[in-house]
Amino acid sequence: MQEPVNPLIPAGYEVGTSIAVIAFYVLIAIALWKVFSKAGYPGILAWIPIVNLIVLLKIAGYSAWLVLLYLIPIVNFVFAIFVAIRLGERFGKGGFFSLLWLWLFPVIGYFVLGFGQARYRRA
C-alpha cells in the first residue's frame, strides 16, 4: 500500500534538505579542521559532531563540561555568543568580527580564521 502524498510538501523536499544540511556540515568541518590545526589540536576531530564543540570550547578557553550548556534552550543562544567572542579574541579578532562572522555566519568566519592570516594566541 502506498503512503498518501502530502500536497503541502513538494516532491524531493526531504532529499534536497538533507543534501543542503550535509553540504553545510562538510563546509563547517573543513573550516574547523584548519582552525583546530592552528590551535594545536588534531584537525580530524572537526568531523566528530559533539567532539568538535568540545575542542572549540577548549580553544576558546572554556571547560569542556560547558558543552552541556548547549542543551539548554535559551542559554545555548547566549553561550554561543560568548564562545564566538572569546574565540575571536584568541585569534586576534575584534568583537564585531566575532559576532558577525563567528556567531551569525560561522562558515565564513571559520574559513577566515582557518585559512586567513589569523594566529592563535593562548591566554
PDB file of N, CA and C in Angstrom:
ATOM      1  N   MET A   1       0.832  -1.173   0.000  1.00  0.00           N
ATOM      2  CA  MET A   1       0.000   0.000   0.000  1.00  0.00           C
ATOM      3  C   MET A   1       0.882   1.244   0.000  1.00  0.00           C
ATOM      4  N   GLN A   2       0.542   2.196  -0.820  1.00  0.00           N
ATOM      5  CA  GLN A   2       1.315   3.425  -0.942  1.00  0.00           C
ATOM      6  C   GLN A   2       0.927   4.419   0.141  1.00  0.00           C
ATOM      7  N   GLU A   3       1.942   5.190   0.569  1.00  0.00           N
ATOM      8  CA  GLU A   3       1.658   6.250   1.535  1.00  0.00           C
ATOM      9  C   GLU A   3       0.929   7.389   0.833  1.00  0.00           C
ATOM     10  N   PRO A   4       0.042   8.053   1.550  1.00  0.00           N
ATOM     11  CA  PRO A   4      -0.638   9.194   0.928  1.00  0.00           C
ATOM     12  C   PRO A   4       0.350  10.334   0.679  1.00  0.00           C
ATOM     13  N   VAL A   5       0.175  11.035  -0.408  1.00  0.00           N
ATOM     14  CA  VAL A   5       1.053  12.128  -0.771  1.00  0.00           C
ATOM     15  C   VAL A   5       0.538  13.407  -0.125  1.00  0.00           C
ATOM     16  N   ASN A   6       1.431  14.105   0.521  1.00  0.00           N
ATOM     17  CA  ASN A   6       1.071  15.376   1.151  1.00  0.00           C
ATOM     18  C   ASN A   6       1.249  16.485   0.126  1.00  0.00           C
ATOM     19  N   PRO A   7       0.186  17.160  -0.268  1.00  0.00           N
ATOM     20  CA  PRO A   7       0.317  18.196  -1.301  1.00  0.00           C
ATOM     21  C   PRO A   7       1.050  19.449  -0.827  1.00  0.00           C
ATOM     22  N   LEU A   8       1.243  19.593   0.487  1.00  0.00           N
ATOM     23  CA  LEU A   8       1.922  20.777   1.003  1.00  0.00           C
ATOM     24  C   LEU A   8       3.442  20.667   0.928  1.00  0.00           C
ATOM     25  N   ILE A   9       3.958  19.444   0.807  1.00  0.00           N
ATOM     26  CA  ILE A   9       5.400  19.232   0.745  1.00  0.00           C
ATOM     27  C   ILE A   9       5.757  18.816  -0.674  1.00  0.00           C
ATOM     28  N   PRO A  10       6.561  19.614  -1.365  1.00  0.00           N
ATOM     29  CA  PRO A  10       6.925  19.264  -2.725  1.00  0.00           C
ATOM     30  C   PRO A  10       7.739  17.975  -2.775  1.00  0.00           C
ATOM     31  N   ALA A  11       7.627  17.249  -3.870  1.00  0.00           N
ATOM     32  CA  ALA A  11       8.368  16.001  -4.027  1.00  0.00           C
ATOM     33  C   ALA A  11       9.862  16.279  -3.975  1.00  0.00           C
ATOM     34  N   GLY A  12      10.599  15.444  -3.271  1.00  0.00           N
ATOM     35  CA  GLY A  12      12.037  15.590  -3.164  1.00  0.00           C
ATOM     36  C   GLY A  12      12.490  16.598  -2.133  1.00  0.00           C
ATOM     37  N   TYR A  13      11.591  17.157  -1.368  1.00  0.00           N
ATOM     38  CA  TYR A  13      11.962  18.173  -0.381  1.00  0.00           C
ATOM     39  C   TYR A  13      12.911  17.598   0.661  1.00  0.00           C
ATOM     40  N   GLU A  14      12.626  16.406   1.133  1.00  0.00           N
ATOM     41  CA  GLU A  14      13.454  15.809   2.171  1.00  0.00           C
ATOM     42  C   GLU A  14      14.858  15.539   1.662  1.00  0.00           C
ATOM     43  N   VAL A  15      14.978  15.092   0.425  1.00  0.00           N
ATOM     44  CA  VAL A  15      16.283  14.798  -0.143  1.00  0.00           C
ATOM     45  C   VAL A  15      17.079  16.093  -0.333  1.00  0.00           C
ATOM     46  N   GLY A  16      16.440  17.115  -0.839  1.00  0.00           N
ATOM     47  CA  GLY A  16      17.120  18.389  -1.038  1.00  0.00           C
ATOM     48  C   GLY A  16      17.587  19.001   0.263  1.00  0.00           C
ATOM     49  N   THR A  17      16.758  18.917   1.285  1.00  0.00           N
ATOM     50  CA  THR A  17      17.130  19.447   2.592  1.00  0.00           C
ATOM     51  C   THR A  17      18.300  18.662   3.168  1.00  0.00           C
ATOM     52  N   SER A  18      18.263  17.360   3.033  1.00  0.00           N
ATOM     53  CA  SER A  18      19.344  16.519   3.549  1.00  0.00           C
ATOM     54  C   SER A  18      20.664  16.847   2.868  1.00  0.00           C
ATOM     55  N   ILE A  19      20.633  17.035   1.568  1.00  0.00           N
ATOM     56  CA  ILE A  19      21.856  17.363   0.845  1.00  0.00           C
ATOM     57  C   ILE A  19      22.394  18.717   1.295  1.00  0.00           C
ATOM     58  N   ALA A  20      21.521  19.678   1.500  1.00  0.00           N
ATOM     59  CA  ALA A  20      21.947  21.008   1.949  1.00  0.00           C
ATOM     60  C   ALA A  20      22.570  20.937   3.344  1.00  0.00           C
ATOM     61  N   VAL A  21      21.973  20.174   4.245  1.00  0.00           N
ATOM     62  CA  VAL A  21      22.497  20.047   5.609  1.00  0.00           C
ATOM     63  C   VAL A  21      23.851  19.348   5.593  1.00  0.00           C
ATOM     64  N   ILE A  22      23.985  18.313   4.789  1.00  0.00           N
ATOM     65  CA  ILE A  22      25.268  17.604   4.700  1.00  0.00           C
ATOM     66  C   ILE A  22      26.338  18.514   4.108  1.00  0.00           C
ATOM     67  N   ALA A  23      25.992  19.287   3.089  1.00  0.00           N
ATOM     68  CA  ALA A  23      26.954  20.213   2.489  1.00  0.00           C
ATOM     69  C   ALA A  23      27.390  21.271   3.501  1.00  0.00           C
ATOM     70  N   PHE A  24      26.457  21.784   4.287  1.00  0.00           N
ATOM     71  CA  PHE A  24      26.776  22.767   5.322  1.00  0.00           C
ATOM     72  C   PHE A  24      27.727  22.165   6.355  1.00  0.00           C
ATOM     73  N   TYR A  25      27.458  20.932   6.776  1.00  0.00           N
ATOM     74  CA  TYR A  25      28.302  20.268   7.773  1.00  0.00           C
ATOM     75  C   TYR A  25      29.707  20.035   7.228  1.00  0.00           C
ATOM     76  N   VAL A  26      29.808  19.641   5.967  1.00  0.00           N
ATOM     77  CA  VAL A  26      31.117  19.410   5.357  1.00  0.00           C
ATOM     78  C   VAL A  26      31.915  20.711   5.307  1.00  0.00           C
ATOM     79  N   LEU A  27      31.269  21.809   4.936  1.00  0.00           N
ATOM     80  CA  LEU A  27      31.963  23.103   4.903  1.00  0.00           C
ATOM     81  C   LEU A  27      32.446  23.518   6.287  1.00  0.00           C
ATOM     82  N   ILE A  28      31.590  23.345   7.286  1.00  0.00           N
ATOM     83  CA  ILE A  28      31.977  23.674   8.669  1.00  0.00           C
ATOM     84  C   ILE A  28      33.157  22.810   9.107  1.00  0.00           C
ATOM     85  N   ALA A  29      33.106  21.524   8.807  1.00  0.00           N
ATOM     86  CA  ALA A  29      34.176  20.617   9.233  1.00  0.00           C
ATOM     87  C   ALA A  29      35.505  20.953   8.555  1.00  0.00           C
ATOM     88  N   ILE A  30      35.462  21.305   7.284  1.00  0.00           N
ATOM     89  CA  ILE A  30      36.699  21.687   6.582  1.00  0.00           C
ATOM     90  C   ILE A  30      37.298  22.938   7.219  1.00  0.00           C
ATOM     91  N   ALA A  31      36.458  23.926   7.491  1.00  0.00           N
ATOM     92  CA  ALA A  31      36.944  25.170   8.097  1.00  0.00           C
ATOM     93  C   ALA A  31      37.468  24.924   9.509  1.00  0.00           C
ATOM     94  N   LEU A  32      36.734  24.122  10.289  1.00  0.00           N
ATOM     95  CA  LEU A  32      37.181  23.846  11.658  1.00  0.00           C
ATOM     96  C   LEU A  32      38.470  23.026  11.674  1.00  0.00           C
ATOM     97  N   TRP A  33      38.680  22.198  10.668  1.00  0.00           N
ATOM     98  CA  TRP A  33      39.912  21.410  10.586  1.00  0.00           C
ATOM     99  C   TRP A  33      41.115  22.351  10.638  1.00  0.00           C
ATOM    100  N   LYS A  34      41.072  23.412   9.853  1.00  0.00           N
ATOM    101  CA  LYS A  34      42.183  24.366   9.833  1.00  0.00           C
ATOM    102  C   LYS A  34      42.277  25.162  11.135  1.00  0.00           C
ATOM    103  N   VAL A  35      41.127  25.525  11.707  1.00  0.00           N
ATOM    104  CA  VAL A  35      41.130  26.256  12.979  1.00  0.00           C
ATOM    105  C   VAL A  35      41.740  25.380  14.069  1.00  0.00           C
ATOM    106  N   PHE A  36      41.348  24.112  14.118  1.00  0.00           N
ATOM    107  CA  PHE A  36      41.897  23.196  15.123  1.00  0.00           C
ATOM    108  C   PHE A  36      43.397  23.021  14.918  1.00  0.00           C
ATOM    109  N   SER A  37      43.824  22.897  13.672  1.00  0.00           N
ATOM    110  CA  SER A  37      45.250  22.713  13.395  1.00  0.00           C
ATOM    111  C   SER A  37      46.062  23.926  13.844  1.00  0.00           C
ATOM    112  N   LYS A  38      45.540  25.121  13.607  1.00  0.00           N
ATOM    113  CA  LYS A  38      46.245  26.328  14.058  1.00  0.00           C
ATOM    114  C   LYS A  38      46.353  26.390  15.570  1.00  0.00           C
ATOM    115  N   ALA A  39      45.354  25.855  16.255  1.00  0.00           N
ATOM    116  CA  ALA A  39      45.350  25.904  17.717  1.00  0.00           C
ATOM    117  C   ALA A  39      46.103  24.727  18.335  1.00  0.00           C
ATOM    118  N   GLY A  40      46.622  23.821  17.515  1.00  0.00           N
ATOM    119  CA  GLY A  40      47.415  22.718  18.035  1.00  0.00           C
ATOM    120  C   GLY A  40      46.631  21.453  18.336  1.00  0.00           C
ATOM    121  N   TYR A  41      45.409  21.340  17.859  1.00  0.00           N
ATOM    122  CA  TYR A  41      44.602  20.143  18.045  1.00  0.00           C
ATOM    123  C   TYR A  41      44.534  19.372  16.733  1.00  0.00           C
ATOM    124  N   PRO A  42      44.341  18.055  16.800  1.00  0.00           N
ATOM    125  CA  PRO A  42      44.217  17.290  15.547  1.00  0.00           C
ATOM    126  C   PRO A  42      42.985  17.742  14.757  1.00  0.00           C
ATOM    127  N   GLY A  43      43.173  18.038  13.494  1.00  0.00           N
ATOM    128  CA  GLY A  43      42.090  18.527  12.658  1.00  0.00           C
ATOM    129  C   GLY A  43      40.985  17.514  12.430  1.00  0.00           C
ATOM    130  N   ILE A  44      41.292  16.241  12.521  1.00  0.00           N
ATOM    131  CA  ILE A  44      40.299  15.197  12.268  1.00  0.00           C
ATOM    132  C   ILE A  44      39.149  15.268  13.267  1.00  0.00           C
ATOM    133  N   LEU A  45      39.377  15.878  14.405  1.00  0.00           N
ATOM    134  CA  LEU A  45      38.332  15.999  15.422  1.00  0.00           C
ATOM    135  C   LEU A  45      37.186  16.894  14.968  1.00  0.00           C
ATOM    136  N   ALA A  46      37.394  17.669  13.925  1.00  0.00           N
ATOM    137  CA  ALA A  46      36.346  18.551  13.413  1.00  0.00           C
ATOM    138  C   ALA A  46      35.196  17.774  12.798  1.00  0.00           C
ATOM    139  N   TRP A  47      35.422  16.534  12.425  1.00  0.00           N
ATOM    140  CA  TRP A  47      34.381  15.733  11.771  1.00  0.00           C
ATOM    141  C   TRP A  47      33.482  15.008  12.761  1.00  0.00           C
ATOM    142  N   ILE A  48      33.853  14.944  14.031  1.00  0.00           N
ATOM    143  CA  ILE A  48      33.062  14.219  15.031  1.00  0.00           C
ATOM    144  C   ILE A  48      32.113  15.208  15.702  1.00  0.00           C
ATOM    145  N   PRO A  49      30.784  14.991  15.585  1.00  0.00           N
ATOM    146  CA  PRO A  49      29.801  16.013  15.957  1.00  0.00           C
ATOM    147  C   PRO A  49      29.937  16.660  17.335  1.00  0.00           C
ATOM    148  N   ILE A  50      29.935  15.947  18.419  1.00  0.00           N
ATOM    149  CA  ILE A  50      29.990  16.578  19.741  1.00  0.00           C
ATOM    150  C   ILE A  50      31.424  16.955  20.103  1.00  0.00           C
ATOM    151  N   VAL A  51      32.359  16.156  19.653  1.00  0.00           N
ATOM    152  CA  VAL A  51      33.763  16.394  19.974  1.00  0.00           C
ATOM    153  C   VAL A  51      34.229  17.727  19.393  1.00  0.00           C
ATOM    154  N   ASN A  52      33.729  18.101  18.209  1.00  0.00           N
ATOM    155  CA  ASN A  52      34.166  19.367  17.636  1.00  0.00           C
ATOM    156  C   ASN A  52      33.718  20.556  18.487  1.00  0.00           C
ATOM    157  N   LEU A  53      32.563  20.450  19.127  1.00  0.00           N
ATOM    158  CA  LEU A  53      32.144  21.511  20.056  1.00  0.00           C
ATOM    159  C   LEU A  53      33.045  21.561  21.285  1.00  0.00           C
ATOM    160  N   ILE A  54      33.416  20.397  21.793  1.00  0.00           N
ATOM    161  CA  ILE A  54      34.286  20.336  22.969  1.00  0.00           C
ATOM    162  C   ILE A  54      35.639  20.967  22.660  1.00  0.00           C
ATOM    163  N   VAL A  55      36.212  20.624  21.508  1.00  0.00           N
ATOM    164  CA  VAL A  55      37.507  21.188  21.131  1.00  0.00           C
ATOM    165  C   VAL A  55      37.385  22.690  20.898  1.00  0.00           C
ATOM    166  N   LEU A  56      36.296  23.117  20.290  1.00  0.00           N
ATOM    167  CA  LEU A  56      36.082  24.551  20.069  1.00  0.00           C
ATOM    168  C   LEU A  56      36.013  25.305  21.399  1.00  0.00           C
ATOM    169  N   LEU A  57      35.358  24.703  22.393  1.00  0.00           N
ATOM    170  CA  LEU A  57      35.308  25.330  23.719  1.00  0.00           C
ATOM    171  C   LEU A  57      36.695  25.399  24.349  1.00  0.00           C
ATOM    172  N   LYS A  58      37.495  24.345  24.179  1.00  0.00           N
ATOM    173  CA  LYS A  58      38.845  24.360  24.735  1.00  0.00           C
ATOM    174  C   LYS A  58      39.705  25.425  24.060  1.00  0.00           C
ATOM    175  N   ILE A  59      39.547  25.571  22.741  1.00  0.00           N
ATOM    176  CA  ILE A  59      40.300  26.603  22.030  1.00  0.00           C
ATOM    177  C   ILE A  59      39.892  27.993  22.526  1.00  0.00           C
ATOM    178  N   ALA A  60      38.609  28.167  22.816  1.00  0.00           N
ATOM    179  CA  ALA A  60      38.113  29.451  23.309  1.00  0.00           C
ATOM    180  C   ALA A  60      38.503  29.692  24.767  1.00  0.00           C
ATOM    181  N   GLY A  61      38.990  28.664  25.440  1.00  0.00           N
ATOM    182  CA  GLY A  61      39.434  28.836  26.818  1.00  0.00           C
ATOM    183  C   GLY A  61      38.424  28.432  27.859  1.00  0.00           C
ATOM    184  N   TYR A  62      37.385  27.742  27.455  1.00  0.00           N
ATOM    185  CA  TYR A  62      36.360  27.274  28.394  1.00  0.00           C
ATOM    186  C   TYR A  62      36.563  25.801  28.715  1.00  0.00           C
ATOM    187  N   SER A  63      35.940  25.357  29.787  1.00  0.00           N
ATOM    188  CA  SER A  63      35.984  23.948  30.167  1.00  0.00           C
ATOM    189  C   SER A  63      35.114  23.134  29.209  1.00  0.00           C
ATOM    190  N   ALA A  64      35.533  21.917  28.971  1.00  0.00           N
ATOM    191  CA  ALA A  64      34.787  21.034  28.066  1.00  0.00           C
ATOM    192  C   ALA A  64      33.404  20.699  28.630  1.00  0.00           C
ATOM    193  N   TRP A  65      33.263  20.757  29.938  1.00  0.00           N
ATOM    194  CA  TRP A  65      31.960  20.449  30.550  1.00  0.00           C
ATOM    195  C   TRP A  65      30.890  21.470  30.178  1.00  0.00           C
ATOM    196  N   LEU A  66      31.298  22.639  29.790  1.00  0.00           N
ATOM    197  CA  LEU A  66      30.333  23.670  29.421  1.00  0.00           C
ATOM    198  C   LEU A  66      29.594  23.349  28.120  1.00  0.00           C
ATOM    199  N   VAL A  67      30.009  22.286  27.439  1.00  0.00           N
ATOM    200  CA  VAL A  67      29.276  21.861  26.240  1.00  0.00           C
ATOM    201  C   VAL A  67      27.838  21.481  26.610  1.00  0.00           C
ATOM    202  N   LEU A  68      27.610  21.148  27.870  1.00  0.00           N
ATOM    203  CA  LEU A  68      26.254  20.816  28.323  1.00  0.00           C
ATOM    204  C   LEU A  68      25.324  22.029  28.284  1.00  0.00           C
ATOM    205  N   LEU A  69      25.889  23.228  28.292  1.00  0.00           N
ATOM    206  CA  LEU A  69      25.052  24.426  28.207  1.00  0.00           C
ATOM    207  C   LEU A  69      24.360  24.542  26.853  1.00  0.00           C
ATOM    208  N   TYR A  70      24.902  23.882  25.844  1.00  0.00           N
ATOM    209  CA  TYR A  70      24.267  23.903  24.530  1.00  0.00           C
ATOM    210  C   TYR A  70      22.958  23.115  24.520  1.00  0.00           C
ATOM    211  N   LEU A  71      22.681  22.351  25.565  1.00  0.00           N
ATOM    212  CA  LEU A  71      21.432  21.579  25.643  1.00  0.00           C
ATOM    213  C   LEU A  71      20.278  22.382  26.236  1.00  0.00           C
ATOM    214  N   ILE A  72      20.572  23.519  26.847  1.00  0.00           N
ATOM    215  CA  ILE A  72      19.540  24.344  27.480  1.00  0.00           C
ATOM    216  C   ILE A  72      19.073  25.391  26.476  1.00  0.00           C
ATOM    217  N   PRO A  73      17.774  25.426  26.161  1.00  0.00           N
ATOM    218  CA  PRO A  73      17.275  26.220  25.034  1.00  0.00           C
ATOM    219  C   PRO A  73      17.726  27.670  24.907  1.00  0.00           C
ATOM    220  N   ILE A  74      17.521  28.526  25.840  1.00  0.00           N
ATOM    221  CA  ILE A  74      17.875  29.937  25.660  1.00  0.00           C
ATOM    222  C   ILE A  74      19.328  30.175  26.043  1.00  0.00           C
ATOM    223  N   VAL A  75      19.817  29.391  26.965  1.00  0.00           N
ATOM    224  CA  VAL A  75      21.204  29.521  27.421  1.00  0.00           C
ATOM    225  C   VAL A  75      22.159  29.234  26.266  1.00  0.00           C
ATOM    226  N   ASN A  76      21.829  28.269  25.398  1.00  0.00           N
ATOM    227  CA  ASN A  76      22.731  27.924  24.298  1.00  0.00           C
ATOM    228  C   ASN A  76      22.915  29.097  23.340  1.00  0.00           C
ATOM    229  N   PHE A  77      21.869  29.856  23.138  1.00  0.00           N
ATOM    230  CA  PHE A  77      21.916  31.030  22.271  1.00  0.00           C
ATOM    231  C   PHE A  77      22.895  32.062  22.823  1.00  0.00           C
ATOM    232  N   VAL A  78      22.786  32.360  24.095  1.00  0.00           N
ATOM    233  CA  VAL A  78      23.651  33.355  24.747  1.00  0.00           C
ATOM    234  C   VAL A  78      25.075  32.826  24.876  1.00  0.00           C
ATOM    235  N   PHE A  79      25.214  31.556  25.244  1.00  0.00           N
ATOM    236  CA  PHE A  79      26.542  30.972  25.421  1.00  0.00           C
ATOM    237  C   PHE A  79      27.304  30.923  24.101  1.00  0.00           C
ATOM    238  N   ALA A  80      26.612  30.691  22.997  1.00  0.00           N
ATOM    239  CA  ALA A  80      27.264  30.673  21.689  1.00  0.00           C
ATOM    240  C   ALA A  80      27.870  32.036  21.362  1.00  0.00           C
ATOM    241  N   ILE A  81      27.232  33.097  21.814  1.00  0.00           N
ATOM    242  CA  ILE A  81      27.786  34.441  21.609  1.00  0.00           C
ATOM    243  C   ILE A  81      29.079  34.602  22.406  1.00  0.00           C
ATOM    244  N   PHE A  82      29.071  34.153  23.663  1.00  0.00           N
ATOM    245  CA  PHE A  82      30.280  34.237  24.486  1.00  0.00           C
ATOM    246  C   PHE A  82      31.425  33.434  23.875  1.00  0.00           C
ATOM    247  N   VAL A  83      31.119  32.242  23.386  1.00  0.00           N
ATOM    248  CA  VAL A  83      32.151  31.402  22.771  1.00  0.00           C
ATOM    249  C   VAL A  83      32.703  32.079  21.514  1.00  0.00           C
ATOM    250  N   ALA A  84      31.831  32.651  20.696  1.00  0.00           N
ATOM    251  CA  ALA A  84      32.281  33.314  19.468  1.00  0.00           C
ATOM    252  C   ALA A  84      33.200  34.493  19.790  1.00  0.00           C
ATOM    253  N   ILE A  85      32.833  35.285  20.786  1.00  0.00           N
ATOM    254  CA  ILE A  85      33.660  36.441  21.150  1.00  0.00           C
ATOM    255  C   ILE A  85      35.006  35.999  21.689  1.00  0.00           C
ATOM    256  N   ARG A  86      35.001  35.006  22.559  1.00  0.00           N
ATOM    257  CA  ARG A  86      36.266  34.518  23.124  1.00  0.00           C
ATOM    258  C   ARG A  86      37.134  33.865  22.056  1.00  0.00           C
ATOM    259  N   LEU A  87      36.522  33.139  21.137  1.00  0.00           N
ATOM    260  CA  LEU A  87      37.279  32.514  20.056  1.00  0.00           C
ATOM    261  C   LEU A  87      37.912  33.579  19.163  1.00  0.00           C
ATOM    262  N   GLY A  88      37.154  34.628  18.879  1.00  0.00           N
ATOM    263  CA  GLY A  88      37.704  35.733  18.099  1.00  0.00           C
ATOM    264  C   GLY A  88      38.874  36.406  18.798  1.00  0.00           C
ATOM    265  N   GLU A  89      38.771  36.590  20.103  1.00  0.00           N
ATOM    266  CA  GLU A  89      39.870  37.192  20.867  1.00  0.00           C
ATOM    267  C   GLU A  89      41.124  36.332  20.795  1.00  0.00           C
ATOM    268  N   ARG A  90      40.952  35.014  20.870  1.00  0.00           N
ATOM    269  CA  ARG A  90      42.096  34.102  20.822  1.00  0.00           C
ATOM    270  C   ARG A  90      42.822  34.160  19.480  1.00  0.00           C
ATOM    271  N   PHE A  91      42.108  34.535  18.428  1.00  0.00           N
ATOM    272  CA  PHE A  91      42.717  34.640  17.113  1.00  0.00           C
ATOM    273  C   PHE A  91      42.986  36.092  16.729  1.00  0.00           C
ATOM    274  N   GLY A  92      42.882  37.014  17.680  1.00  0.00           N
ATOM    275  CA  GLY A  92      43.221  38.402  17.436  1.00  0.00           C
ATOM    276  C   GLY A  92      42.172  39.189  16.678  1.00  0.00           C
ATOM    277  N   LYS A  93      40.937  38.746  16.729  1.00  0.00           N
ATOM    278  CA  LYS A  93      39.851  39.446  16.041  1.00  0.00           C
ATOM    279  C   LYS A  93      39.012  40.198  17.068  1.00  0.00           C
ATOM    280  N   GLY A  94      38.321  41.227  16.603  1.00  0.00           N
ATOM    281  CA  GLY A  94      37.510  42.046  17.490  1.00  0.00           C
ATOM    282  C   GLY A  94      36.117  41.491  17.698  1.00  0.00           C
ATOM    283  N   GLY A  95      35.358  42.214  18.499  1.00  0.00           N
ATOM    284  CA  GLY A  95      34.009  41.785  18.826  1.00  0.00           C
ATOM    285  C   GLY A  95      33.055  41.815  17.644  1.00  0.00           C
ATOM    286  N   PHE A  96      33.202  42.819  16.763  1.00  0.00           N
ATOM    287  CA  PHE A  96      32.325  42.903  15.600  1.00  0.00           C
ATOM    288  C   PHE A  96      32.539  41.710  14.678  1.00  0.00           C
ATOM    289  N   PHE A  97      33.798  41.382  14.421  1.00  0.00           N
ATOM    290  CA  PHE A  97      34.101  40.208  13.605  1.00  0.00           C
ATOM    291  C   PHE A  97      33.518  38.951  14.240  1.00  0.00           C
ATOM    292  N   SER A  98      33.699  38.823  15.538  1.00  0.00           N
ATOM    293  CA  SER A  98      33.237  37.623  16.239  1.00  0.00           C
ATOM    294  C   SER A  98      31.725  37.472  16.167  1.00  0.00           C
ATOM    295  N   LEU A  99      31.007  38.555  16.430  1.00  0.00           N
ATOM    296  CA  LEU A  99      29.544  38.467  16.380  1.00  0.00           C
ATOM    297  C   LEU A  99      29.039  38.227  14.969  1.00  0.00           C
ATOM    298  N   LEU A 100      29.574  38.927  14.019  1.00  0.00           N
ATOM    299  CA  LEU A 100      29.062  38.809  12.662  1.00  0.00           C
ATOM    300  C   LEU A 100      29.496  37.511  11.995  1.00  0.00           C
ATOM    301  N   TRP A 101      30.783  37.200  12.042  1.00  0.00           N
ATOM    302  CA  TRP A 101      31.286  36.085  11.259  1.00  0.00           C
ATOM    303  C   TRP A 101      31.408  34.783  12.036  1.00  0.00           C
ATOM    304  N   LEU A 102      31.659  34.810  13.311  1.00  0.00           N
ATOM    305  CA  LEU A 102      31.783  33.551  14.059  1.00  0.00           C
ATOM    306  C   LEU A 102      30.467  33.098  14.664  1.00  0.00           C
ATOM    307  N   TRP A 103      29.577  34.027  14.921  1.00  0.00           N
ATOM    308  CA  TRP A 103      28.297  33.638  15.508  1.00  0.00           C
ATOM    309  C   TRP A 103      27.178  33.625  14.469  1.00  0.00           C
ATOM    310  N   LEU A 104      27.045  34.679  13.694  1.00  0.00           N
ATOM    311  CA  LEU A 104      25.946  34.782  12.754  1.00  0.00           C
ATOM    312  C   LEU A 104      26.190  33.987  11.470  1.00  0.00           C
ATOM    313  N   PHE A 105      27.398  34.054  10.931  1.00  0.00           N
ATOM    314  CA  PHE A 105      27.768  33.325   9.712  1.00  0.00           C
ATOM    315  C   PHE A 105      29.027  32.507   9.987  1.00  0.00           C
ATOM    316  N   PRO A 106      28.917  31.422  10.766  1.00  0.00           N
ATOM    317  CA  PRO A 106      30.126  30.713  11.204  1.00  0.00           C
ATOM    318  C   PRO A 106      30.919  30.060  10.083  1.00  0.00           C
ATOM    319  N   VAL A 107      30.281  29.662   9.001  1.00  0.00           N
ATOM    320  CA  VAL A 107      31.038  29.031   7.916  1.00  0.00           C
ATOM    321  C   VAL A 107      32.094  29.995   7.388  1.00  0.00           C
ATOM    322  N   ILE A 108      31.695  31.229   7.135  1.00  0.00           N
ATOM    323  CA  ILE A 108      32.629  32.225   6.615  1.00  0.00           C
ATOM    324  C   ILE A 108      33.678  32.580   7.674  1.00  0.00           C
ATOM    325  N   GLY A 109      33.243  32.757   8.913  1.00  0.00           N
ATOM    326  CA  GLY A 109      34.171  33.121   9.980  1.00  0.00           C
ATOM    327  C   GLY A 109      35.229  32.076  10.239  1.00  0.00           C
ATOM    328  N   TYR A 110      34.842  30.800  10.255  1.00  0.00           N
ATOM    329  CA  TYR A 110      35.819  29.741  10.481  1.00  0.00           C
ATOM    330  C   TYR A 110      36.786  29.625   9.308  1.00  0.00           C
ATOM    331  N   PHE A 111      36.301  29.854   8.089  1.00  0.00           N
ATOM    332  CA  PHE A 111      37.202  29.854   6.940  1.00  0.00           C
ATOM    333  C   PHE A 111      38.206  30.997   7.041  1.00  0.00           C
ATOM    334  N   VAL A 112      37.760  32.165   7.493  1.00  0.00           N
ATOM    335  CA  VAL A 112      38.670  33.307   7.645  1.00  0.00           C
ATOM    336  C   VAL A 112      39.718  32.997   8.711  1.00  0.00           C
ATOM    337  N   LEU A 113      39.302  32.423   9.830  1.00  0.00           N
ATOM    338  CA  LEU A 113      40.269  32.079  10.876  1.00  0.00           C
ATOM    339  C   LEU A 113      41.221  30.985  10.423  1.00  0.00           C
ATOM    340  N   GLY A 114      40.679  29.956   9.791  1.00  0.00           N
ATOM    341  CA  GLY A 114      41.497  28.806   9.420  1.00  0.00           C
ATOM    342  C   GLY A 114      42.439  29.059   8.262  1.00  0.00           C
ATOM    343  N   PHE A 115      41.930  29.695   7.224  1.00  0.00           N
ATOM    344  CA  PHE A 115      42.735  29.875   6.022  1.00  0.00           C
ATOM    345  C   PHE A 115      43.323  31.269   5.896  1.00  0.00           C
ATOM    346  N   GLY A 116      42.990  32.158   6.807  1.00  0.00           N
ATOM    347  CA  GLY A 116      43.499  33.520   6.755  1.00  0.00           C
ATOM    348  C   GLY A 116      44.811  33.680   7.504  1.00  0.00           C
ATOM    349  N   GLN A 117      45.149  34.923   7.788  1.00  0.00           N
ATOM    350  CA  GLN A 117      46.412  35.256   8.444  1.00  0.00           C
ATOM    351  C   GLN A 117      46.329  35.226   9.972  1.00  0.00           C
ATOM    352  N   ALA A 118      45.168  34.938  10.533  1.00  0.00           N
ATOM    353  CA  ALA A 118      44.995  34.958  11.990  1.00  0.00           C
ATOM    354  C   ALA A 118      45.886  33.912  12.655  1.00  0.00           C
ATOM    355  N   ARG A 119      46.457  34.281  13.763  1.00  0.00           N
ATOM    356  CA  ARG A 119      47.315  33.382  14.549  1.00  0.00           C
ATOM    357  C   ARG A 119      46.657  33.131  15.900  1.00  0.00           C
ATOM    358  N   TYR A 120      46.734  31.896  16.332  1.00  0.00           N
ATOM    359  CA  TYR A 120      46.160  31.526  17.627  1.00  0.00           C
ATOM    360  C   TYR A 120      47.093  31.960  18.751  1.00  0.00           C
ATOM    361  N   ARG A 121      46.490  32.587  19.773  1.00  0.00           N
ATOM    362  CA  ARG A 121      47.249  33.003  20.949  1.00  0.00           C
ATOM    363  C   ARG A 121      46.585  32.450  22.192  1.00  0.00           C
ATOM    364  N   ARG A 122      47.334  31.712  22.973  1.00  0.00           N
ATOM    365  CA  ARG A 122      46.790  31.219  24.244  1.00  0.00           C
ATOM    366  C   ARG A 122      46.769  32.375  25.238  1.00  0.00           C
ATOM    367  N   ALA A 123      45.793  32.322  26.139  1.00  0.00           N
ATOM    368  CA  ALA A 123      45.678  33.403  27.135  1.00  0.00           C
ATOM    369  C   ALA A 123      46.685  33.230  28.242  1.00  0.00           C
TER     370      ALA A 123
END
